[in-house]
Amino acid sequence: MQHASWRLLRPGGSLVTLPEPVDEAHRLPHITARRVIVTPDGQALRRIGALVDSGAIDVEVQAVLPLEKAAEAHRISSAGRVRGKLALLL
């Protein structure tokens, strides 16, 4: 899906990818790109959670599904039509 993201950026824009390397095959001129690798950090996650709880960060959630529907969430995500986050409820 990264290839679609390149076309959404204007010249001078930046593409940041978390799970995968930058796809050089689709790179466009005048757009910077970099991969960010994140290390799990409980303290940082608690700070982020507090920011979300306080309303300082707005997270768009498309759907909350029970854990039993994890396969359905994966199908929705694979279809490439997700706007926001898909959450699984334990």
PDB file of N, CA and C in Angstrom:
ATOM      1  N   MET A   1       0.806  -1.201   0.000  1.00  0.00           N
ATOM      2  CA  MET A   1       0.000   0.000   0.000  1.00  0.00           C
ATOM      3  C   MET A   1       0.854   1.272   0.000  1.00  0.00           C
ATOM      4  N   GLN A   2       2.141   1.125   0.256  1.00  0.00           N
ATOM      5  CA  GLN A   2       3.002   2.302   0.294  1.00  0.00           C
ATOM      6  C   GLN A   2       2.992   3.049  -1.038  1.00  0.00           C
ATOM      7  N   HIS A   3       2.868   2.308  -2.141  1.00  0.00           N
ATOM      8  CA  HIS A   3       2.903   2.961  -3.450  1.00  0.00           C
ATOM      9  C   HIS A   3       1.806   4.013  -3.589  1.00  0.00           C
ATOM     10  N   ALA A   4       0.646   3.794  -2.990  1.00  0.00           N
ATOM     11  CA  ALA A   4      -0.449   4.771  -3.067  1.00  0.00           C
ATOM     12  C   ALA A   4      -0.127   6.021  -2.254  1.00  0.00           C
ATOM     13  N   SER A   5       0.626   5.873  -1.189  1.00  0.00           N
ATOM     14  CA  SER A   5       0.950   7.014  -0.325  1.00  0.00           C
ATOM     15  C   SER A   5       1.820   8.040  -1.034  1.00  0.00           C
ATOM     16  N   TRP A   6       2.734   7.586  -1.867  1.00  0.00           N
ATOM     17  CA  TRP A   6       3.627   8.512  -2.562  1.00  0.00           C
ATOM     18  C   TRP A   6       2.829   9.545  -3.344  1.00  0.00           C
ATOM     19  N   ARG A   7       1.779   9.101  -4.041  1.00  0.00           N
ATOM     20  CA  ARG A   7       1.003   9.991  -4.902  1.00  0.00           C
ATOM     21  C   ARG A   7       0.165  10.999  -4.111  1.00  0.00           C
ATOM     22  N   LEU A   8       0.000  10.783  -2.826  1.00  0.00           N
ATOM     23  CA  LEU A   8      -0.798  11.685  -1.995  1.00  0.00           C
ATOM     24  C   LEU A   8       0.009  12.865  -1.461  1.00  0.00           C
ATOM     25  N   LEU A   9       1.315  12.815  -1.607  1.00  0.00           N
ATOM     26  CA  LEU A   9       2.191  13.846  -1.062  1.00  0.00           C
ATOM     27  C   LEU A   9       2.524  14.894  -2.104  1.00  0.00           C
ATOM     28  N   ARG A  10       2.584  16.130  -1.670  1.00  0.00           N
ATOM     29  CA  ARG A  10       2.984  17.202  -2.588  1.00  0.00           C
ATOM     30  C   ARG A  10       4.507  17.365  -2.530  1.00  0.00           C
ATOM     31  N   PRO A  11       5.086  18.018  -3.536  1.00  0.00           N
ATOM     32  CA  PRO A  11       6.532  18.252  -3.511  1.00  0.00           C
ATOM     33  C   PRO A  11       6.948  18.924  -2.191  1.00  0.00           C
ATOM     34  N   GLY A  12       8.012  18.433  -1.619  1.00  0.00           N
ATOM     35  CA  GLY A  12       8.468  18.928  -0.326  1.00  0.00           C
ATOM     36  C   GLY A  12       7.919  18.114   0.833  1.00  0.00           C
ATOM     37  N   GLY A  13       6.984  17.187   0.537  1.00  0.00           N
ATOM     38  CA  GLY A  13       6.380  16.360   1.574  1.00  0.00           C
ATOM     39  C   GLY A  13       7.326  15.262   2.035  1.00  0.00           C
ATOM     40  N   SER A  14       6.891  14.556   3.083  1.00  0.00           N
ATOM     41  CA  SER A  14       7.696  13.473   3.644  1.00  0.00           C
ATOM     42  C   SER A  14       6.847  12.233   3.824  1.00  0.00           C
ATOM     43  N   LEU A  15       7.415  11.102   3.486  1.00  0.00           N
ATOM     44  CA  LEU A  15       6.775   9.815   3.710  1.00  0.00           C
ATOM     45  C   LEU A  15       7.536   9.125   4.834  1.00  0.00           C
ATOM     46  N   VAL A  16       6.827   8.706   5.866  1.00  0.00           N
ATOM     47  CA  VAL A  16       7.441   7.982   6.973  1.00  0.00           C
ATOM     48  C   VAL A  16       6.775   6.624   7.039  1.00  0.00           C
ATOM     49  N   THR A  17       7.572   5.581   7.027  1.00  0.00           N
ATOM     50  CA  THR A  17       7.037   4.231   7.098  1.00  0.00           C
ATOM     51  C   THR A  17       7.548   3.548   8.357  1.00  0.00           C
ATOM     52  N   LEU A  18       6.661   2.852   9.038  1.00  0.00           N
ATOM     53  CA  LEU A  18       7.039   2.156  10.265  1.00  0.00           C
ATOM     54  C   LEU A  18       7.326   0.673  10.023  1.00  0.00           C
ATOM     55  N   PRO A  19       6.412  -0.064   9.406  1.00  0.00           N
ATOM     56  CA  PRO A  19       6.639  -1.511   9.384  1.00  0.00           C
ATOM     57  C   PRO A  19       7.538  -2.010   8.269  1.00  0.00           C
ATOM     58  N   GLU A  20       7.738  -1.233   7.231  1.00  0.00           N
ATOM     59  CA  GLU A  20       8.448  -1.755   6.074  1.00  0.00           C
ATOM     60  C   GLU A  20       9.480  -0.757   5.577  1.00  0.00           C
ATOM     61  N   PRO A  21      10.453  -1.221   4.825  1.00  0.00           N
ATOM     62  CA  PRO A  21      11.441  -0.300   4.260  1.00  0.00           C
ATOM     63  C   PRO A  21      10.801   0.630   3.237  1.00  0.00           C
ATOM     64  N   VAL A  22      11.474   1.721   2.947  1.00  0.00           N
ATOM     65  CA  VAL A  22      11.003   2.650   1.918  1.00  0.00           C
ATOM     66  C   VAL A  22      11.026   1.923   0.576  1.00  0.00           C
ATOM     67  N   ASP A  23       9.930   2.004  -0.156  1.00  0.00           N
ATOM     68  CA  ASP A  23       9.801   1.352  -1.460  1.00  0.00           C
ATOM     69  C   ASP A  23      10.384   2.269  -2.530  1.00  0.00           C
ATOM     70  N   GLU A  24      11.633   2.035  -2.858  1.00  0.00           N
ATOM     71  CA  GLU A  24      12.340   2.890  -3.813  1.00  0.00           C
ATOM     72  C   GLU A  24      11.750   2.810  -5.217  1.00  0.00           C
ATOM     73  N   ALA A  25      11.055   1.745  -5.525  1.00  0.00           N
ATOM     74  CA  ALA A  25      10.473   1.586  -6.864  1.00  0.00           C
ATOM     75  C   ALA A  25       9.396   2.627  -7.151  1.00  0.00           C
ATOM     76  N   HIS A  26       8.801   3.182  -6.096  1.00  0.00           N
ATOM     77  CA  HIS A  26       7.720   4.153  -6.280  1.00  0.00           C
ATOM     78  C   HIS A  26       8.098   5.565  -5.839  1.00  0.00           C
ATOM     79  N   ARG A  27       9.362   5.768  -5.503  1.00  0.00           N
ATOM     80  CA  ARG A  27       9.819   7.083  -5.023  1.00  0.00           C
ATOM     81  C   ARG A  27       9.529   8.159  -6.063  1.00  0.00           C
ATOM     82  N   LEU A  28       9.117   9.326  -5.592  1.00  0.00           N
ATOM     83  CA  LEU A  28       8.856  10.473  -6.456  1.00  0.00           C
ATOM     84  C   LEU A  28       9.853  11.577  -6.145  1.00  0.00           C
ATOM     85  N   PRO A  29      10.207  12.379  -7.164  1.00  0.00           N
ATOM     86  CA  PRO A  29      11.152  13.473  -6.928  1.00  0.00           C
ATOM     87  C   PRO A  29      10.585  14.493  -5.945  1.00  0.00           C
ATOM     88  N   HIS A  30      11.432  15.142  -5.204  1.00  0.00           N
ATOM     89  CA  HIS A  30      11.070  16.233  -4.292  1.00  0.00           C
ATOM     90  C   HIS A  30      10.239  15.769  -3.098  1.00  0.00           C
ATOM     91  N   ILE A  31      10.274  14.476  -2.803  1.00  0.00           N
ATOM     92  CA  ILE A  31       9.613  13.941  -1.606  1.00  0.00           C
ATOM     93  C   ILE A  31      10.658  13.155  -0.837  1.00  0.00           C
ATOM     94  N   THR A  32      10.785  13.452   0.445  1.00  0.00           N
ATOM     95  CA  THR A  32      11.733  12.713   1.265  1.00  0.00           C
ATOM     96  C   THR A  32      11.016  11.504   1.877  1.00  0.00           C
ATOM     97  N   ALA A  33      11.799  10.501   2.212  1.00  0.00           N
ATOM     98  CA  ALA A  33      11.220   9.299   2.809  1.00  0.00           C
ATOM     99  C   ALA A  33      12.203   8.703   3.786  1.00  0.00           C
ATOM    100  N   ARG A  34      11.657   8.113   4.849  1.00  0.00           N
ATOM    101  CA  ARG A  34      12.510   7.403   5.789  1.00  0.00           C
ATOM    102  C   ARG A  34      11.698   6.374   6.544  1.00  0.00           C
ATOM    103  N   ARG A  35      12.396   5.368   6.991  1.00  0.00           N
ATOM    104  CA  ARG A  35      11.796   4.302   7.782  1.00  0.00           C
ATOM    105  C   ARG A  35      12.120   4.560   9.241  1.00  0.00           C
ATOM    106  N   VAL A  36      11.134   4.385  10.092  1.00  0.00           N
ATOM    107  CA  VAL A  36      11.325   4.549  11.528  1.00  0.00           C
ATOM    108  C   VAL A  36      11.090   3.186  12.180  1.00  0.00           C
ATOM    109  N   ILE A  37      12.041   2.758  12.969  1.00  0.00           N
ATOM    110  CA  ILE A  37      11.907   1.504  13.697  1.00  0.00           C
ATOM    111  C   ILE A  37      11.681   1.851  15.163  1.00  0.00           C
ATOM    112  N   VAL A  38      10.635   1.304  15.719  1.00  0.00           N
ATOM    113  CA  VAL A  38      10.229   1.630  17.076  1.00  0.00           C
ATOM    114  C   VAL A  38      10.526   0.453  18.000  1.00  0.00           C
ATOM    115  N   THR A  39      11.111   0.747  19.139  1.00  0.00           N
ATOM    116  CA  THR A  39      11.362  -0.258  20.164  1.00  0.00           C
ATOM    117  C   THR A  39      10.267  -0.152  21.225  1.00  0.00           C
ATOM    118  N   PRO A  40       9.641  -1.269  21.602  1.00  0.00           N
ATOM    119  CA  PRO A  40       8.603  -1.205  22.630  1.00  0.00           C
ATOM    120  C   PRO A  40       9.120  -0.545  23.907  1.00  0.00           C
ATOM    121  N   ASP A  41       8.322   0.356  24.458  1.00  0.00           N
ATOM    122  CA  ASP A  41       8.713   1.111  25.640  1.00  0.00           C
ATOM    123  C   ASP A  41       7.449   1.393  26.453  1.00  0.00           C
ATOM    124  N   GLY A  42       7.275   0.661  27.538  1.00  0.00           N
ATOM    125  CA  GLY A  42       6.071   0.786  28.364  1.00  0.00           C
ATOM    126  C   GLY A  42       5.838   2.196  28.878  1.00  0.00           C
ATOM    127  N   GLN A  43       6.892   2.867  29.317  1.00  0.00           N
ATOM    128  CA  GLN A  43       6.748   4.225  29.842  1.00  0.00           C
ATOM    129  C   GLN A  43       6.252   5.175  28.741  1.00  0.00           C
ATOM    130  N   ALA A  44       6.827   5.058  27.547  1.00  0.00           N
ATOM    131  CA  ALA A  44       6.399   5.916  26.436  1.00  0.00           C
ATOM    132  C   ALA A  44       4.954   5.621  26.049  1.00  0.00           C
ATOM    133  N   LEU A  45       4.570   4.344  26.059  1.00  0.00           N
ATOM    134  CA  LEU A  45       3.184   3.991  25.736  1.00  0.00           C
ATOM    135  C   LEU A  45       2.216   4.577  26.759  1.00  0.00           C
ATOM    136  N   ARG A  46       2.609   4.610  28.031  1.00  0.00           N
ATOM    137  CA  ARG A  46       1.746   5.219  29.057  1.00  0.00           C
ATOM    138  C   ARG A  46       1.600   6.720  28.806  1.00  0.00           C
ATOM    139  N   ARG A  47       2.692   7.388  28.405  1.00  0.00           N
ATOM    140  CA  ARG A  47       2.613   8.827  28.092  1.00  0.00           C
ATOM    141  C   ARG A  47       1.717   9.073  26.887  1.00  0.00           C
ATOM    142  N   ILE A  48       1.851   8.236  25.874  1.00  0.00           N
ATOM    143  CA  ILE A  48       0.989   8.373  24.694  1.00  0.00           C
ATOM    144  C   ILE A  48      -0.466   8.133  25.082  1.00  0.00           C
ATOM    145  N   GLY A  49      -0.715   7.125  25.903  1.00  0.00           N
ATOM    146  CA  GLY A  49      -2.076   6.848  26.373  1.00  0.00           C
ATOM    147  C   GLY A  49      -2.667   8.033  27.124  1.00  0.00           C
ATOM    148  N   ALA A  50      -1.857   8.682  27.935  1.00  0.00           N
ATOM    149  CA  ALA A  50      -2.325   9.861  28.673  1.00  0.00           C
ATOM    150  C   ALA A  50      -2.665  11.003  27.716  1.00  0.00           C
ATOM    151  N   LEU A  51      -1.874  11.174  26.664  1.00  0.00           N
ATOM    152  CA  LEU A  51      -2.163  12.210  25.664  1.00  0.00           C
ATOM    153  C   LEU A  51      -3.479  11.919  24.942  1.00  0.00           C
ATOM    154  N   VAL A  52      -3.704  10.660  24.607  1.00  0.00           N
ATOM    155  CA  VAL A  52      -4.968  10.282  23.958  1.00  0.00           C
ATOM    156  C   VAL A  52      -6.128  10.521  24.913  1.00  0.00           C
ATOM    157  N   ASP A  53      -5.978  10.071  26.171  1.00  0.00           N
ATOM    158  CA  ASP A  53      -7.044  10.241  27.164  1.00  0.00           C
ATOM    159  C   ASP A  53      -7.374  11.709  27.411  1.00  0.00           C
ATOM    160  N   SER A  54      -6.367  12.576  27.346  1.00  0.00           N
ATOM    161  CA  SER A  54      -6.598  14.002  27.615  1.00  0.00           C
ATOM    162  C   SER A  54      -7.194  14.736  26.414  1.00  0.00           C
ATOM    163  N   GLY A  55      -7.203  14.072  25.254  1.00  0.00           N
ATOM    164  CA  GLY A  55      -7.732  14.715  24.058  1.00  0.00           C
ATOM    165  C   GLY A  55      -6.684  15.471  23.268  1.00  0.00           C
ATOM    166  N   ALA A  56      -5.429  15.450  23.718  1.00  0.00           N
ATOM    167  CA  ALA A  56      -4.359  16.153  23.010  1.00  0.00           C
ATOM    168  C   ALA A  56      -4.046  15.483  21.669  1.00  0.00           C
ATOM    169  N   ILE A  57      -4.302  14.182  21.593  1.00  0.00           N
ATOM    170  CA  ILE A  57      -4.111  13.427  20.349  1.00  0.00           C
ATOM    171  C   ILE A  57      -5.449  12.789  19.995  1.00  0.00           C
ATOM    172  N   ASP A  58      -5.839  12.952  18.752  1.00  0.00           N
ATOM    173  CA  ASP A  58      -7.093  12.370  18.283  1.00  0.00           C
ATOM    174  C   ASP A  58      -6.771  11.150  17.429  1.00  0.00           C
ATOM    175  N   VAL A  59      -7.295  10.006  17.806  1.00  0.00           N
ATOM    176  CA  VAL A  59      -7.066   8.777  17.065  1.00  0.00           C
ATOM    177  C   VAL A  59      -8.376   8.372  16.401  1.00  0.00           C
ATOM    178  N   GLU A  60      -8.342   8.251  15.078  1.00  0.00           N
ATOM    179  CA  GLU A  60      -9.530   7.831  14.349  1.00  0.00           C
ATOM    180  C   GLU A  60      -9.595   6.308  14.371  1.00  0.00           C
ATOM    181  N   VAL A  61     -10.707   5.786  14.869  1.00  0.00           N
ATOM    182  CA  VAL A  61     -10.902   4.338  14.955  1.00  0.00           C
ATOM    183  C   VAL A  61     -12.023   3.962  13.991  1.00  0.00           C
ATOM    184  N   GLN A  62     -11.705   3.103  13.042  1.00  0.00           N
ATOM    185  CA  GLN A  62     -12.719   2.663  12.089  1.00  0.00           C
ATOM    186  C   GLN A  62     -13.634   1.618  12.705  1.00  0.00           C
ATOM    187  N   ALA A  63     -13.042   0.666  13.438  1.00  0.00           N
ATOM    188  CA  ALA A  63     -13.859  -0.413  14.003  1.00  0.00           C
ATOM    189  C   ALA A  63     -13.168  -1.018  15.214  1.00  0.00           C
ATOM    190  N   VAL A  64     -13.990  -1.480  16.154  1.00  0.00           N
ATOM    191  CA  VAL A  64     -13.517  -2.252  17.296  1.00  0.00           C
ATOM    192  C   VAL A  64     -14.186  -3.615  17.181  1.00  0.00           C
ATOM    193  N   LEU A  65     -13.373  -4.653  17.074  1.00  0.00           N
ATOM    194  CA  LEU A  65     -13.887  -5.999  16.873  1.00  0.00           C
ATOM    195  C   LEU A  65     -13.444  -6.900  18.018  1.00  0.00           C
ATOM    196  N   PRO A  66     -14.259  -7.898  18.363  1.00  0.00           N
ATOM    197  CA  PRO A  66     -13.809  -8.855  19.377  1.00  0.00           C
ATOM    198  C   PRO A  66     -12.633  -9.667  18.844  1.00  0.00           C
ATOM    199  N   LEU A  67     -11.808 -10.156  19.740  1.00  0.00           N
ATOM    200  CA  LEU A  67     -10.608 -10.897  19.360  1.00  0.00           C
ATOM    201  C   LEU A  67     -10.942 -12.057  18.426  1.00  0.00           C
ATOM    202  N   GLU A  68     -12.111 -12.656  18.605  1.00  0.00           N
ATOM    203  CA  GLU A  68     -12.510 -13.785  17.757  1.00  0.00           C
ATOM    204  C   GLU A  68     -12.621 -13.379  16.280  1.00  0.00           C
ATOM    205  N   LYS A  69     -12.712 -12.089  16.018  1.00  0.00           N
ATOM    206  CA  LYS A  69     -12.848 -11.604  14.637  1.00  0.00           C
ATOM    207  C   LYS A  69     -11.530 -11.035  14.103  1.00  0.00           C
ATOM    208  N   ALA A  70     -10.422 -11.494  14.663  1.00  0.00           N
ATOM    209  CA  ALA A  70      -9.109 -11.017  14.215  1.00  0.00           C
ATOM    210  C   ALA A  70      -8.897 -11.299  12.732  1.00  0.00           C
ATOM    211  N   ALA A  71      -9.354 -12.444  12.256  1.00  0.00           N
ATOM    212  CA  ALA A  71      -9.202 -12.768  10.832  1.00  0.00           C
ATOM    213  C   ALA A  71      -9.982 -11.779   9.973  1.00  0.00           C
ATOM    214  N   GLU A  72     -11.162 -11.374  10.428  1.00  0.00           N
ATOM    215  CA  GLU A  72     -11.944 -10.383   9.690  1.00  0.00           C
ATOM    216  C   GLU A  72     -11.215  -9.039   9.662  1.00  0.00           C
ATOM    217  N   ALA A  73     -10.639  -8.642  10.787  1.00  0.00           N
ATOM    218  CA  ALA A  73      -9.876  -7.389  10.844  1.00  0.00           C
ATOM    219  C   ALA A  73      -8.716  -7.442   9.854  1.00  0.00           C
ATOM    220  N   HIS A  74      -8.072  -8.590   9.769  1.00  0.00           N
ATOM    221  CA  HIS A  74      -6.956  -8.739   8.836  1.00  0.00           C
ATOM    222  C   HIS A  74      -7.443  -8.611   7.397  1.00  0.00           C
ATOM    223  N   ARG A  75      -8.588  -9.198   7.077  1.00  0.00           N
ATOM    224  CA  ARG A  75      -9.145  -9.083   5.718  1.00  0.00           C
ATOM    225  C   ARG A  75      -9.485  -7.629   5.390  1.00  0.00           C
ATOM    226  N   ILE A  76     -10.078  -6.918   6.355  1.00  0.00           N
ATOM    227  CA  ILE A  76     -10.417  -5.504   6.149  1.00  0.00           C
ATOM    228  C   ILE A  76      -9.143  -4.710   5.874  1.00  0.00           C
ATOM    229  N   SER A  77      -8.120  -4.947   6.677  1.00  0.00           N
ATOM    230  CA  SER A  77      -6.855  -4.239   6.517  1.00  0.00           C
ATOM    231  C   SER A  77      -6.211  -4.564   5.174  1.00  0.00           C
ATOM    232  N   SER A  78      -6.210  -5.825   4.791  1.00  0.00           N
ATOM    233  CA  SER A  78      -5.594  -6.252   3.532  1.00  0.00           C
ATOM    234  C   SER A  78      -6.298  -5.668   2.315  1.00  0.00           C
ATOM    235  N   ALA A  79      -7.580  -5.366   2.451  1.00  0.00           N
ATOM    236  CA  ALA A  79      -8.342  -4.798   1.332  1.00  0.00           C
ATOM    237  C   ALA A  79      -7.911  -3.364   1.041  1.00  0.00           C
ATOM    238  N   GLY A  80      -7.192  -2.741   1.999  1.00  0.00           N
ATOM    239  CA  GLY A  80      -6.664  -1.398   1.763  1.00  0.00           C
ATOM    240  C   GLY A  80      -7.682  -0.288   1.870  1.00  0.00           C
ATOM    241  N   ARG A  81      -8.778  -0.545   2.535  1.00  0.00           N
ATOM    242  CA  ARG A  81      -9.814   0.479   2.647  1.00  0.00           C
ATOM    243  C   ARG A  81     -10.023   0.943   4.092  1.00  0.00           C
ATOM    244  N   VAL A  82      -8.964   0.864   4.880  1.00  0.00           N
ATOM    245  CA  VAL A  82      -9.060   1.241   6.284  1.00  0.00           C
ATOM    246  C   VAL A  82      -8.762   2.732   6.421  1.00  0.00           C
ATOM    247  N   ARG A  83      -9.650   3.423   7.084  1.00  0.00           N
ATOM    248  CA  ARG A  83      -9.419   4.827   7.417  1.00  0.00           C
ATOM    249  C   ARG A  83      -9.438   4.893   8.937  1.00  0.00           C
ATOM    250  N   GLY A  84      -8.289   5.014   9.521  1.00  0.00           N
ATOM    251  CA  GLY A  84      -8.195   4.992  10.979  1.00  0.00           C
ATOM    252  C   GLY A  84      -7.636   3.657  11.438  1.00  0.00           C
ATOM    253  N   LYS A  85      -7.910   3.335  12.669  1.00  0.00           N
ATOM    254  CA  LYS A  85      -7.354   2.118  13.262  1.00  0.00           C
ATOM    255  C   LYS A  85      -8.421   1.047  13.384  1.00  0.00           C
ATOM    256  N   LEU A  86      -7.979  -0.182  13.324  1.00  0.00           N
ATOM    257  CA  LEU A  86      -8.808  -1.325  13.656  1.00  0.00           C
ATOM    258  C   LEU A  86      -8.315  -1.824  15.006  1.00  0.00           C
ATOM    259  N   ALA A  87      -9.229  -1.988  15.948  1.00  0.00           N
ATOM    260  CA  ALA A  87      -8.835  -2.420  17.295  1.00  0.00           C
ATOM    261  C   ALA A  87      -9.486  -3.754  17.608  1.00  0.00           C
ATOM    262  N   LEU A  88      -8.733  -4.609  18.292  1.00  0.00           N
ATOM    263  CA  LEU A  88      -9.270  -5.884  18.754  1.00  0.00           C
ATOM    264  C   LEU A  88      -9.498  -5.811  20.252  1.00  0.00           C
ATOM    265  N   LEU A  89     -10.682  -6.198  20.667  1.00  0.00           N
ATOM    266  CA  LEU A  89     -11.070  -6.141  22.066  1.00  0.00           C
ATOM    267  C   LEU A  89     -10.917  -7.516  22.700  1.00  0.00           C
ATOM    268  N   LEU A  90     -10.152  -7.583  23.797  1.00  0.00           N
ATOM    269  CA  LEU A  90      -9.969  -8.852  24.510  1.00  0.00           C
ATOM    270  C   LEU A  90     -11.196  -9.197  25.316  1.00  0.00           C
TER     271      LEU A  90
END
